[in-house]
N, C-alpha and C. Protein backbone atom coordinates (compact mmCIF):
# COMPACT_ATOMS: atom_id res chain seq x y z
N MET A 1 -6.87 -42.48 20.69
CA MET A 1 -5.56 -42.27 21.11
C MET A 1 -4.59 -43.57 21.18
N ILE A 2 -3.36 -43.14 20.13
CA ILE A 2 -2.63 -44.28 20.42
C ILE A 2 -1.73 -43.86 21.37
N GLY A 3 -1.43 -45.29 22.51
CA GLY A 3 -0.63 -45.17 23.82
C GLY A 3 0.66 -44.70 23.44
N ALA A 4 1.23 -44.70 24.51
CA ALA A 4 2.88 -44.15 24.06
C ALA A 4 3.32 -46.01 23.99
N ASP A 5 3.27 -46.96 24.85
CA ASP A 5 3.80 -47.90 24.75
C ASP A 5 3.53 -48.43 23.26
N THR A 6 2.32 -48.37 22.83
CA THR A 6 2.36 -48.59 21.33
C THR A 6 3.33 -47.98 20.27
N GLN A 7 2.89 -46.64 20.41
CA GLN A 7 4.17 -45.81 19.53
C GLN A 7 5.71 -45.99 19.78
N ALA A 8 5.77 -46.91 20.83
CA ALA A 8 7.53 -47.09 21.10
C ALA A 8 7.86 -48.44 20.52
N SER A 9 6.57 -49.04 20.73
CA SER A 9 7.08 -50.42 19.71
C SER A 9 7.13 -50.60 18.42
N PHE A 10 6.09 -49.56 17.87
CA PHE A 10 5.91 -49.26 16.69
C PHE A 10 7.35 -48.95 16.06
N ILE A 11 7.97 -47.68 16.91
CA ILE A 11 9.36 -47.22 16.15
C ILE A 11 10.33 -47.92 16.38
N THR A 12 10.35 -48.87 17.47
CA THR A 12 11.34 -49.55 17.92
C THR A 12 11.27 -50.89 16.60
N GLY A 13 10.11 -51.45 16.35
CA GLY A 13 10.10 -52.27 15.14
C GLY A 13 10.26 -51.81 13.63
N LEU A 14 10.12 -50.47 13.33
CA LEU A 14 10.66 -49.58 12.13
C LEU A 14 12.23 -49.26 12.52
N THR A 15 12.24 -49.08 13.14
CA THR A 15 14.11 -48.55 13.59
C THR A 15 14.62 -49.95 13.33
N LEU A 16 14.21 -51.01 13.70
CA LEU A 16 14.95 -52.48 14.04
C LEU A 16 14.87 -52.84 12.81
N GLY A 17 13.75 -52.82 12.36
CA GLY A 17 13.60 -53.31 10.57
C GLY A 17 14.41 -52.98 9.88
N GLY A 18 14.45 -51.51 9.74
CA GLY A 18 15.21 -50.34 9.08
C GLY A 18 16.75 -50.58 8.88
N SER A 19 17.00 -51.20 10.18
CA SER A 19 18.64 -51.27 10.02
C SER A 19 19.15 -52.64 9.83
N LEU A 20 18.20 -53.54 9.82
CA LEU A 20 18.61 -54.67 9.59
C LEU A 20 18.47 -54.75 8.20
N ILE A 21 17.58 -54.47 7.35
CA ILE A 21 17.34 -54.69 5.92
C ILE A 21 18.36 -53.60 5.43
N MET A 22 18.65 -52.59 5.42
CA MET A 22 19.64 -51.68 4.66
C MET A 22 20.90 -52.50 4.90
N ALA A 23 21.48 -53.12 5.19
CA ALA A 23 22.70 -53.67 5.16
C ALA A 23 23.00 -54.11 3.65
N ILE A 24 24.19 -53.86 2.96
CA ILE A 24 24.43 -54.26 1.27
C ILE A 24 24.49 -55.61 1.89
N GLY A 25 23.66 -56.20 0.68
CA GLY A 25 23.76 -57.68 0.32
C GLY A 25 23.16 -58.15 -1.05
N ALA A 26 23.37 -59.49 -1.11
CA ALA A 26 22.76 -60.11 -2.50
C ALA A 26 21.45 -59.33 -2.83
N GLN A 27 20.69 -59.44 -1.88
CA GLN A 27 19.20 -59.40 -2.12
C GLN A 27 18.71 -57.65 -2.42
N ASN A 28 19.47 -56.70 -1.75
CA ASN A 28 19.52 -55.51 -2.25
C ASN A 28 20.07 -55.15 -3.58
N ALA A 29 21.29 -55.70 -3.79
CA ALA A 29 21.81 -55.50 -5.29
C ALA A 29 20.73 -56.33 -6.03
N PHE A 30 19.86 -57.04 -6.12
CA PHE A 30 19.14 -57.80 -7.03
C PHE A 30 17.74 -56.91 -7.21
N VAL A 31 17.22 -56.37 -5.94
CA VAL A 31 16.35 -55.55 -6.14
C VAL A 31 16.69 -54.44 -6.78
N LEU A 32 17.95 -53.75 -6.57
CA LEU A 32 18.26 -52.33 -7.43
C LEU A 32 19.00 -52.79 -8.99
N ARG A 33 19.41 -53.95 -9.32
CA ARG A 33 19.44 -54.37 -10.57
C ARG A 33 18.03 -54.47 -11.51
N GLN A 34 16.87 -55.05 -11.00
CA GLN A 34 15.78 -55.26 -11.46
C GLN A 34 15.23 -54.18 -11.58
N GLY A 35 15.30 -53.01 -10.78
CA GLY A 35 14.71 -51.44 -10.62
C GLY A 35 15.54 -50.85 -11.74
N LEU A 36 16.82 -51.14 -12.16
CA LEU A 36 17.82 -50.28 -13.25
C LEU A 36 17.00 -50.90 -14.51
N ARG A 37 16.82 -52.08 -14.80
CA ARG A 37 16.74 -52.62 -15.72
C ARG A 37 14.72 -52.62 -16.02
N ARG A 38 13.98 -52.17 -15.21
CA ARG A 38 12.52 -51.94 -15.45
C ARG A 38 11.86 -53.38 -15.40
N GLU A 39 12.04 -54.41 -14.96
CA GLU A 39 11.48 -55.21 -15.23
C GLU A 39 11.49 -56.48 -14.12
N HIS A 40 9.97 -56.50 -13.83
CA HIS A 40 9.29 -57.26 -13.16
C HIS A 40 9.49 -56.47 -11.63
N VAL A 41 9.49 -55.33 -11.45
CA VAL A 41 9.98 -54.53 -10.41
C VAL A 41 9.20 -54.74 -9.35
N ALA A 42 7.71 -54.74 -9.78
CA ALA A 42 6.71 -54.65 -8.57
C ALA A 42 6.43 -55.83 -8.07
N ALA A 43 6.79 -57.30 -9.01
CA ALA A 43 6.63 -58.47 -8.64
C ALA A 43 7.72 -58.89 -7.50
N VAL A 44 9.18 -58.22 -8.02
CA VAL A 44 10.12 -58.90 -7.48
C VAL A 44 10.34 -57.71 -5.80
N VAL A 45 9.75 -56.87 -5.79
CA VAL A 45 9.39 -55.68 -4.48
C VAL A 45 8.52 -56.59 -3.43
N ALA A 46 7.51 -57.04 -4.28
CA ALA A 46 6.16 -57.67 -3.66
C ALA A 46 6.76 -59.06 -2.86
N VAL A 47 7.06 -59.96 -3.66
CA VAL A 47 8.03 -61.06 -3.43
C VAL A 47 8.99 -60.93 -2.11
N CYS A 48 9.52 -59.98 -2.24
CA CYS A 48 10.75 -59.85 -1.26
C CYS A 48 10.13 -59.28 -0.12
N THR A 49 9.14 -58.35 -0.06
CA THR A 49 8.32 -57.86 1.21
C THR A 49 7.68 -58.88 1.74
N LEU A 50 7.12 -59.75 0.94
CA LEU A 50 6.12 -60.91 1.74
C LEU A 50 6.71 -61.65 2.36
N LEU A 51 7.97 -62.19 1.99
CA LEU A 51 8.75 -63.40 2.34
C LEU A 51 9.22 -62.64 3.74
N ASP A 52 9.88 -61.60 3.82
CA ASP A 52 10.00 -60.54 5.33
C ASP A 52 8.82 -60.58 6.02
N ILE A 53 7.80 -60.22 5.37
CA ILE A 53 6.53 -60.23 6.51
C ILE A 53 6.17 -61.13 7.36
N LEU A 54 6.14 -62.80 6.38
CA LEU A 54 6.12 -63.78 7.00
C LEU A 54 7.02 -64.77 7.65
N LEU A 55 8.41 -64.43 7.50
CA LEU A 55 9.18 -64.90 8.47
C LEU A 55 8.84 -63.94 9.83
N MET A 56 9.04 -62.73 9.70
CA MET A 56 9.07 -61.67 10.93
C MET A 56 7.63 -62.04 11.72
N THR A 57 6.55 -62.58 11.06
CA THR A 57 5.48 -62.95 11.65
C THR A 57 5.70 -64.06 12.63
N ALA A 58 6.21 -65.11 11.74
CA ALA A 58 6.47 -66.20 12.30
C ALA A 58 7.35 -66.36 13.65
N GLY A 59 8.58 -65.15 13.63
CA GLY A 59 9.71 -64.86 14.74
C GLY A 59 8.41 -64.70 15.93
N VAL A 60 7.98 -63.04 15.63
CA VAL A 60 7.17 -62.82 16.63
C VAL A 60 6.15 -63.65 17.39
N SER A 61 5.36 -64.03 16.27
CA SER A 61 4.17 -65.12 17.16
C SER A 61 5.06 -66.31 17.65
N GLY A 62 5.86 -67.05 17.05
CA GLY A 62 6.29 -68.22 17.48
C GLY A 62 7.08 -67.99 18.78
N LEU A 63 7.82 -66.77 18.96
CA LEU A 63 8.52 -66.94 20.33
C LEU A 63 8.01 -66.39 21.12
N GLY A 64 6.76 -65.52 20.70
CA GLY A 64 6.00 -65.07 21.78
C GLY A 64 5.22 -66.19 22.58
N VAL A 65 4.84 -67.25 21.77
CA VAL A 65 3.96 -68.32 22.33
C VAL A 65 5.17 -69.31 23.05
N ALA A 66 6.19 -69.38 22.67
CA ALA A 66 7.37 -70.22 23.30
C ALA A 66 7.63 -69.17 24.73
N GLY A 67 7.77 -68.11 24.52
CA GLY A 67 7.92 -67.13 25.94
C GLY A 67 7.40 -67.54 26.93
N ALA A 68 5.73 -67.23 26.47
CA ALA A 68 4.98 -67.63 27.54
C ALA A 68 4.64 -68.66 28.40
N GLN A 69 5.44 -70.00 27.48
CA GLN A 69 5.28 -71.37 28.23
C GLN A 69 6.77 -71.31 29.06
N TYR A 70 7.85 -70.99 28.03
CA TYR A 70 9.15 -71.10 28.71
C TYR A 70 9.84 -69.75 28.90
N PRO A 71 9.50 -68.96 29.87
CA PRO A 71 10.21 -67.67 29.96
C PRO A 71 11.76 -67.33 30.05
N THR A 72 11.98 -68.51 30.48
CA THR A 72 13.96 -68.63 30.41
C THR A 72 14.42 -68.38 28.98
N LEU A 73 13.33 -69.20 28.32
CA LEU A 73 14.03 -69.55 26.83
C LEU A 73 13.95 -68.19 25.96
N LEU A 74 13.02 -67.22 26.30
CA LEU A 74 12.71 -65.41 25.99
C LEU A 74 13.73 -65.07 26.58
N GLN A 75 14.22 -64.77 27.63
CA GLN A 75 15.41 -64.14 28.29
C GLN A 75 16.53 -64.52 27.72
N ALA A 76 16.74 -65.96 27.26
CA ALA A 76 18.23 -66.27 26.78
C ALA A 76 18.32 -65.62 25.32
N ALA A 77 16.90 -65.79 24.42
CA ALA A 77 16.78 -65.43 23.15
C ALA A 77 17.48 -64.00 23.46
N ALA A 78 16.67 -62.68 24.28
CA ALA A 78 17.13 -61.59 24.19
C ALA A 78 18.68 -61.49 24.54
N ILE A 79 19.09 -62.48 25.49
CA ILE A 79 20.58 -61.97 25.75
C ILE A 79 21.55 -62.16 24.24
N GLY A 80 21.19 -63.22 23.77
CA GLY A 80 21.52 -63.60 22.44
C GLY A 80 21.54 -62.68 21.42
N GLY A 81 20.16 -62.32 21.07
CA GLY A 81 19.80 -60.97 20.18
C GLY A 81 20.48 -60.00 20.65
N ALA A 82 20.65 -59.42 21.78
CA ALA A 82 21.84 -58.22 22.19
C ALA A 82 22.73 -58.17 21.90
N GLY A 83 23.37 -59.93 22.15
CA GLY A 83 24.78 -60.05 21.40
C GLY A 83 25.11 -59.91 19.99
N VAL A 84 24.16 -60.60 19.55
CA VAL A 84 24.06 -60.46 18.00
C VAL A 84 23.86 -59.03 17.36
N LEU A 85 23.37 -58.21 18.19
CA LEU A 85 22.74 -56.81 17.35
C LEU A 85 24.27 -56.01 17.69
N ALA A 86 25.10 -56.36 19.00
CA ALA A 86 26.18 -55.55 19.29
C ALA A 86 27.19 -55.93 18.13
N TRP A 87 27.33 -57.19 17.61
CA TRP A 87 28.26 -57.65 16.94
C TRP A 87 27.78 -56.86 15.48
N TYR A 88 26.41 -56.92 15.05
CA TYR A 88 26.19 -56.45 13.78
C TYR A 88 26.43 -54.71 13.65
N GLY A 89 26.64 -54.04 15.18
CA GLY A 89 26.81 -52.81 15.21
C GLY A 89 28.20 -52.54 14.58
N LEU A 90 28.57 -53.23 15.03
CA LEU A 90 30.32 -53.32 15.13
C LEU A 90 30.55 -53.54 13.78
N SER A 91 29.77 -54.28 13.02
CA SER A 91 30.53 -54.68 11.47
C SER A 91 30.04 -53.36 10.82
N ALA A 92 28.83 -52.63 11.20
CA ALA A 92 28.30 -51.52 10.72
C ALA A 92 29.44 -50.53 10.46
N PHE A 93 29.69 -50.07 11.75
CA PHE A 93 30.79 -49.07 11.82
C PHE A 93 32.28 -49.46 10.98
N ARG A 94 32.68 -50.68 11.15
CA ARG A 94 33.74 -51.08 10.18
C ARG A 94 33.17 -50.65 8.54
N ARG A 95 32.26 -51.29 7.84
CA ARG A 95 31.58 -50.81 6.83
C ARG A 95 31.71 -49.29 6.63
N ALA A 96 31.26 -48.73 7.81
CA ALA A 96 31.39 -47.29 7.42
C ALA A 96 33.02 -46.56 7.55
N TRP A 97 33.80 -47.45 8.04
CA TRP A 97 35.16 -46.90 7.75
C TRP A 97 35.73 -47.11 6.53
N HIS A 98 35.14 -48.23 6.39
CA HIS A 98 35.96 -48.62 4.81
C HIS A 98 34.52 -49.04 3.87
N PRO A 99 33.79 -47.87 3.45
CA PRO A 99 32.55 -47.86 2.78
C PRO A 99 32.95 -48.77 1.40
N HIS A 100 31.86 -49.12 0.90
CA HIS A 100 31.71 -49.68 -0.41
C HIS A 100 30.09 -49.29 -1.19
N ALA A 101 30.61 -49.40 -2.40
CA ALA A 101 29.42 -48.90 -3.02
C ALA A 101 28.23 -50.06 -3.34
N LEU A 102 27.07 -50.29 -3.37
CA LEU A 102 26.41 -50.77 -4.02
C LEU A 102 26.02 -50.78 -5.51
N GLN A 103 26.45 -51.50 -6.21
CA GLN A 103 26.21 -51.52 -7.72
C GLN A 103 25.51 -52.62 -8.03
N ALA A 104 24.91 -52.44 -9.13
CA ALA A 104 24.13 -53.50 -9.88
C ALA A 104 23.86 -53.18 -11.38
N GLN A 105 24.37 -54.01 -12.17
CA GLN A 105 24.43 -53.81 -13.65
C GLN A 105 23.06 -54.00 -14.23
N ALA A 106 22.73 -52.73 -15.18
CA ALA A 106 21.56 -52.97 -15.40
C ALA A 106 20.89 -53.69 -16.67
N GLY A 107 22.14 -54.23 -17.63
CA GLY A 107 22.00 -54.92 -19.01
C GLY A 107 21.98 -56.34 -18.90
N GLY A 108 21.68 -57.07 -19.99
CA GLY A 108 21.09 -58.46 -20.00
C GLY A 108 19.91 -58.29 -20.76
N ALA A 109 19.31 -59.67 -21.19
CA ALA A 109 18.84 -59.97 -21.70
C ALA A 109 17.09 -59.85 -20.96
N THR A 110 16.20 -59.85 -21.17
CA THR A 110 14.66 -59.57 -20.62
C THR A 110 14.54 -61.56 -20.02
N GLN A 111 14.55 -61.48 -18.94
CA GLN A 111 13.87 -62.79 -18.08
C GLN A 111 12.48 -62.97 -18.32
N PRO A 112 12.05 -64.04 -18.35
CA PRO A 112 10.29 -64.24 -17.78
C PRO A 112 10.12 -63.98 -16.15
N VAL A 113 9.13 -63.54 -15.88
CA VAL A 113 8.74 -63.34 -14.84
C VAL A 113 8.86 -64.55 -13.69
N GLY A 114 8.85 -65.54 -14.19
CA GLY A 114 8.66 -66.54 -12.99
C GLY A 114 10.11 -67.26 -12.83
N ARG A 115 11.14 -67.12 -13.92
CA ARG A 115 12.82 -66.76 -13.76
C ARG A 115 13.12 -66.18 -12.46
N VAL A 116 12.65 -64.59 -12.64
CA VAL A 116 13.01 -63.58 -11.91
C VAL A 116 12.54 -63.67 -10.40
N LEU A 117 11.17 -64.21 -10.31
CA LEU A 117 10.80 -64.39 -8.71
C LEU A 117 11.57 -65.70 -8.25
N LEU A 118 12.19 -66.72 -9.13
CA LEU A 118 12.76 -67.65 -8.41
C LEU A 118 13.88 -67.51 -8.12
N GLN A 119 14.61 -66.31 -9.00
CA GLN A 119 15.92 -65.74 -8.03
C GLN A 119 15.51 -65.16 -7.16
N ALA A 120 14.78 -64.15 -7.00
CA ALA A 120 14.49 -63.40 -5.85
C ALA A 120 14.10 -64.30 -4.59
N ILE A 121 13.43 -65.43 -4.50
CA ILE A 121 12.91 -66.49 -3.92
C ILE A 121 14.56 -66.83 -3.17
N GLY A 122 15.29 -67.28 -3.90
CA GLY A 122 16.60 -68.13 -3.64
C GLY A 122 17.62 -67.04 -2.92
N ILE A 123 17.48 -66.00 -3.54
CA ILE A 123 18.34 -64.99 -2.98
C ILE A 123 17.90 -64.50 -1.58
N SER A 124 16.59 -64.69 -1.65
CA SER A 124 16.31 -64.69 0.09
C SER A 124 16.21 -65.34 0.95
N LEU A 125 15.74 -66.68 0.55
CA LEU A 125 15.90 -67.78 1.43
C LEU A 125 16.84 -68.78 1.96
N LEU A 126 17.86 -68.54 0.77
CA LEU A 126 19.11 -69.19 0.72
C LEU A 126 20.19 -68.70 1.67
N ASN A 127 20.21 -67.41 2.06
CA ASN A 127 20.85 -66.64 2.87
C ASN A 127 20.60 -67.13 4.54
N PRO A 128 21.47 -67.85 4.92
CA PRO A 128 21.25 -68.13 6.38
C PRO A 128 20.82 -67.17 7.56
N HIS A 129 21.37 -65.81 7.01
CA HIS A 129 21.51 -64.53 8.10
C HIS A 129 20.09 -64.25 7.80
N VAL A 130 19.31 -64.78 6.89
CA VAL A 130 17.71 -64.03 6.75
C VAL A 130 17.21 -64.38 8.00
N TYR A 131 17.04 -65.47 8.54
CA TYR A 131 16.63 -66.15 9.71
C TYR A 131 16.91 -65.85 10.74
N LEU A 132 18.24 -65.78 11.26
CA LEU A 132 18.71 -65.24 12.25
C LEU A 132 18.03 -63.40 12.00
N ASP A 133 17.86 -62.59 11.02
CA ASP A 133 17.39 -61.45 11.36
C ASP A 133 16.35 -61.21 11.47
N THR A 134 15.35 -62.09 10.69
CA THR A 134 13.65 -61.82 10.87
C THR A 134 13.24 -63.02 11.89
N VAL A 135 13.63 -64.08 11.91
CA VAL A 135 13.16 -65.20 12.80
C VAL A 135 13.45 -64.85 14.44
N VAL A 136 14.70 -64.81 14.41
CA VAL A 136 15.31 -64.74 15.83
C VAL A 136 15.46 -63.42 16.55
N LEU A 137 16.05 -62.53 15.78
CA LEU A 137 16.19 -61.28 16.46
C LEU A 137 14.58 -60.45 16.33
N VAL A 138 14.18 -59.89 15.29
CA VAL A 138 12.87 -59.53 15.16
C VAL A 138 12.06 -60.12 16.10
N GLY A 139 11.90 -61.67 16.17
CA GLY A 139 11.06 -62.57 17.17
C GLY A 139 11.35 -62.38 18.31
N SER A 140 12.41 -62.39 18.83
CA SER A 140 12.59 -62.27 20.05
C SER A 140 12.43 -61.08 21.09
N ILE A 141 12.63 -59.70 20.18
CA ILE A 141 12.36 -58.49 20.41
C ILE A 141 10.95 -58.32 20.58
N GLY A 142 10.37 -58.47 19.47
CA GLY A 142 8.85 -58.46 19.24
C GLY A 142 8.01 -58.90 20.37
N ALA A 143 8.76 -60.42 20.66
CA ALA A 143 7.87 -61.04 21.81
C ALA A 143 8.02 -60.40 23.27
N ARG A 144 8.87 -59.85 23.53
CA ARG A 144 9.35 -59.01 24.59
C ARG A 144 8.59 -57.69 24.97
N GLN A 145 7.88 -57.31 23.78
CA GLN A 145 6.97 -55.89 23.81
C GLN A 145 6.02 -56.23 24.54
N ALA A 146 5.38 -55.05 25.50
CA ALA A 146 4.14 -54.79 26.47
C ALA A 146 3.26 -56.02 25.80
N ALA A 147 2.30 -56.27 26.30
CA ALA A 147 0.94 -57.08 25.97
C ALA A 147 0.44 -56.14 25.23
N GLY A 148 -0.15 -56.49 24.26
CA GLY A 148 -1.42 -55.79 23.33
C GLY A 148 -0.29 -54.55 22.45
N THR A 149 1.04 -54.59 22.48
CA THR A 149 1.82 -53.73 21.48
C THR A 149 2.66 -54.65 20.55
N GLN A 150 2.55 -55.84 20.38
CA GLN A 150 3.15 -56.49 19.57
C GLN A 150 2.94 -56.12 18.00
N ALA A 151 1.61 -56.25 17.96
CA ALA A 151 1.26 -56.18 16.45
C ALA A 151 1.97 -54.83 16.03
N ALA A 152 1.79 -53.79 16.76
CA ALA A 152 2.49 -52.35 16.47
C ALA A 152 3.71 -52.47 15.96
N PHE A 153 4.76 -53.16 16.64
CA PHE A 153 5.81 -53.70 16.97
C PHE A 153 6.13 -54.16 15.36
N LEU A 154 5.05 -55.36 15.00
CA LEU A 154 5.48 -56.09 13.70
C LEU A 154 5.06 -55.29 12.91
N PHE A 155 4.30 -54.72 12.91
CA PHE A 155 3.63 -53.69 11.96
C PHE A 155 4.83 -52.48 11.42
N GLY A 156 5.39 -52.06 12.43
CA GLY A 156 6.57 -51.01 12.13
C GLY A 156 7.79 -52.05 11.49
N SER A 157 7.89 -52.99 11.81
CA SER A 157 9.32 -53.97 11.25
C SER A 157 8.97 -54.43 9.75
N CYS A 158 7.65 -54.88 9.26
CA CYS A 158 6.96 -54.94 7.98
C CYS A 158 7.15 -53.59 7.32
N LEU A 159 6.60 -52.47 7.85
CA LEU A 159 6.59 -51.36 6.85
C LEU A 159 7.88 -50.61 6.67
N ALA A 160 8.76 -51.14 7.28
CA ALA A 160 10.70 -51.07 6.67
C ALA A 160 10.81 -51.48 5.99
N SER A 161 10.48 -53.00 5.65
CA SER A 161 10.82 -53.64 4.41
C SER A 161 9.97 -53.24 3.34
N MET A 162 8.92 -53.31 3.48
CA MET A 162 7.73 -52.44 2.29
C MET A 162 8.34 -51.09 1.80
N LEU A 163 8.96 -50.34 2.71
CA LEU A 163 9.44 -48.78 2.21
C LEU A 163 10.72 -48.90 1.83
N TRP A 164 11.67 -49.92 2.25
CA TRP A 164 13.15 -49.98 1.38
C TRP A 164 12.75 -50.87 0.13
N PHE A 165 12.03 -52.00 0.22
CA PHE A 165 12.21 -52.46 -1.11
C PHE A 165 11.45 -51.95 -1.83
N ALA A 166 10.54 -51.07 -1.80
CA ALA A 166 9.82 -49.90 -2.72
C ALA A 166 10.92 -49.03 -3.57
N ALA A 167 11.12 -48.27 -2.43
CA ALA A 167 12.18 -47.27 -2.72
C ALA A 167 13.47 -47.87 -3.63
N LEU A 168 13.84 -48.94 -3.16
CA LEU A 168 15.41 -49.65 -3.76
C LEU A 168 14.89 -49.90 -5.30
N GLY A 169 13.68 -50.40 -5.44
CA GLY A 169 13.04 -51.09 -6.79
C GLY A 169 12.45 -49.73 -7.44
N PHE A 170 11.88 -49.32 -7.13
CA PHE A 170 10.75 -48.28 -7.87
C PHE A 170 11.97 -46.83 -8.03
N GLY A 171 12.71 -46.71 -7.38
CA GLY A 171 13.23 -45.40 -7.35
C GLY A 171 14.98 -45.70 -7.74
N ALA A 172 15.20 -47.03 -8.56
CA ALA A 172 16.56 -47.53 -8.84
C ALA A 172 16.81 -46.31 -9.58
N ARG A 173 16.60 -46.07 -10.63
CA ARG A 173 17.06 -44.97 -11.25
C ARG A 173 17.69 -43.59 -10.67
N VAL A 174 16.94 -43.34 -9.88
CA VAL A 174 17.36 -41.85 -9.11
C VAL A 174 18.13 -42.23 -7.97
N LEU A 175 17.96 -43.40 -7.24
CA LEU A 175 18.56 -43.89 -6.14
C LEU A 175 20.36 -44.27 -6.24
N SER A 176 20.19 -44.99 -7.64
CA SER A 176 21.34 -45.58 -8.03
C SER A 176 22.88 -44.78 -7.73
N PRO A 177 22.79 -43.68 -8.40
CA PRO A 177 23.78 -42.44 -7.78
C PRO A 177 24.76 -42.38 -6.64
N VAL A 178 23.39 -42.09 -5.64
CA VAL A 178 23.78 -42.10 -4.62
C VAL A 178 24.12 -43.20 -3.93
N PHE A 179 23.81 -44.60 -4.08
CA PHE A 179 24.33 -46.01 -3.67
C PHE A 179 25.65 -46.04 -4.47
N ALA A 180 25.58 -45.48 -5.34
CA ALA A 180 26.95 -45.66 -6.10
C ALA A 180 28.21 -45.10 -5.11
N ARG A 181 28.05 -44.03 -4.25
CA ARG A 181 28.83 -43.10 -3.45
C ARG A 181 29.10 -44.06 -2.43
N PRO A 182 30.50 -44.17 -2.18
CA PRO A 182 30.68 -44.59 -0.70
C PRO A 182 30.35 -44.09 0.36
N SER A 183 30.58 -42.71 0.01
CA SER A 183 30.30 -41.56 1.41
C SER A 183 28.58 -41.70 1.84
N SER A 184 27.89 -42.24 0.95
CA SER A 184 26.59 -42.13 1.17
C SER A 184 26.38 -43.28 2.38
N TRP A 185 26.71 -44.74 1.72
CA TRP A 185 27.26 -45.93 2.74
C TRP A 185 27.69 -45.34 3.96
N ARG A 186 28.76 -44.47 4.09
CA ARG A 186 29.61 -44.37 5.38
C ARG A 186 28.53 -43.71 6.39
N VAL A 187 27.55 -42.52 5.94
CA VAL A 187 26.45 -41.85 6.94
C VAL A 187 25.81 -42.93 7.15
N LEU A 188 25.14 -43.75 6.24
CA LEU A 188 24.06 -44.89 6.57
C LEU A 188 24.74 -45.92 7.57
N ASP A 189 25.89 -46.37 7.13
CA ASP A 189 25.84 -47.45 8.13
C ASP A 189 26.30 -46.85 9.51
N ALA A 190 26.97 -45.80 9.53
CA ALA A 190 27.22 -45.10 10.75
C ALA A 190 26.00 -45.08 11.46
N GLY A 191 24.96 -44.55 11.00
CA GLY A 191 23.67 -44.38 11.53
C GLY A 191 22.91 -45.93 11.84
N ILE A 192 23.00 -47.04 11.05
CA ILE A 192 22.57 -48.08 11.44
C ILE A 192 23.63 -48.61 13.06
N GLY A 193 24.82 -48.61 12.71
CA GLY A 193 25.63 -48.80 14.01
C GLY A 193 24.89 -48.41 15.30
N VAL A 194 24.91 -47.15 15.51
CA VAL A 194 24.20 -46.84 16.12
C VAL A 194 22.92 -46.76 17.06
N THR A 195 22.19 -47.33 15.95
CA THR A 195 20.54 -47.74 16.02
C THR A 195 21.16 -49.17 16.65
N MET A 196 21.73 -49.87 15.98
CA MET A 196 21.83 -51.41 16.67
C MET A 196 22.43 -51.54 17.76
N TRP A 197 23.34 -50.89 18.37
CA TRP A 197 23.99 -50.63 19.61
C TRP A 197 22.92 -50.12 20.79
N TRP A 198 21.99 -49.32 20.40
CA TRP A 198 21.28 -48.59 21.10
C TRP A 198 19.86 -49.67 21.76
N ILE A 199 19.71 -50.27 20.34
CA ILE A 199 18.34 -51.69 20.93
C ILE A 199 19.21 -52.86 21.13
N ALA A 200 20.54 -52.80 21.31
CA ALA A 200 21.45 -54.27 21.82
C ALA A 200 21.44 -53.37 23.42
N TYR A 201 21.38 -52.21 23.60
CA TYR A 201 21.77 -52.20 24.94
C TYR A 201 20.32 -51.86 25.90
N ARG A 202 19.43 -51.65 25.09
CA ARG A 202 18.04 -51.78 25.56
C ARG A 202 17.83 -53.24 25.93
N LEU A 203 18.02 -53.76 25.19
CA LEU A 203 17.27 -55.52 25.05
C LEU A 203 18.29 -56.34 25.86
N ALA A 204 19.60 -55.92 26.41
CA ALA A 204 20.41 -56.49 27.55
C ALA A 204 19.96 -56.21 28.68
N THR A 205 19.64 -54.58 29.08
CA THR A 205 19.09 -54.32 30.34
C THR A 205 17.77 -54.66 30.33
N GLY A 206 16.71 -55.02 29.67
CA GLY A 206 15.60 -55.36 30.06
C GLY A 206 14.69 -54.09 29.93
N SER A 207 15.01 -52.89 29.34
CA SER A 207 14.45 -51.64 29.42
C SER A 207 13.62 -51.99 27.65
N LEU A 208 13.62 -52.65 27.24
CA LEU A 208 12.95 -52.84 25.67
C LEU A 208 11.72 -53.85 25.48
N GLY A 209 10.84 -53.34 25.99
CA GLY A 209 9.50 -54.33 26.21
C GLY A 209 9.34 -54.76 27.22
N GLY A 210 8.23 -55.79 27.18
CA GLY A 210 7.83 -56.37 28.46
C GLY A 210 9.09 -56.82 29.71
């Protein structure tokens, strides 16, 4: 039987990871574009997912070790993370009030797989927010999970990235009409805002994890 703490950590990781990754951005537009073109989709999805997994693993394990040695550092990271999540939630509500569509053109000449993957890596790693999201936010919250449940939290966060990128890339032809409607993003961003504020509240009050 899976314990209640383990289930709670998994759900926290899944919802946090999903909320962070679903925001409109260049990486999502690129994956959607490759899906519409049906060009090296599996490779792009795999690279974007792998980068997220590596960064989140580094964040959870690194801050977990640092937190064991310097508890005040982990506490400071938690308070800072709560503030960032609150700001992200407010930004999501603002996007819901003024929704935009996620659009990607499918045209253009076919590119070699190496060039496409370099673009995916550049778009993913040259964005400073990716480190704040994966290493700092996911890392600080993951490091605060109860002993023995950090792996479940990390698995939930990684699964969110895997499912999102796979749906965006392989389901682009079906999902692109949905993503092109601002009303769809209004509902999605409102849900993201609520989730982020709830996690921020629990993180700030110390009710999220150990």
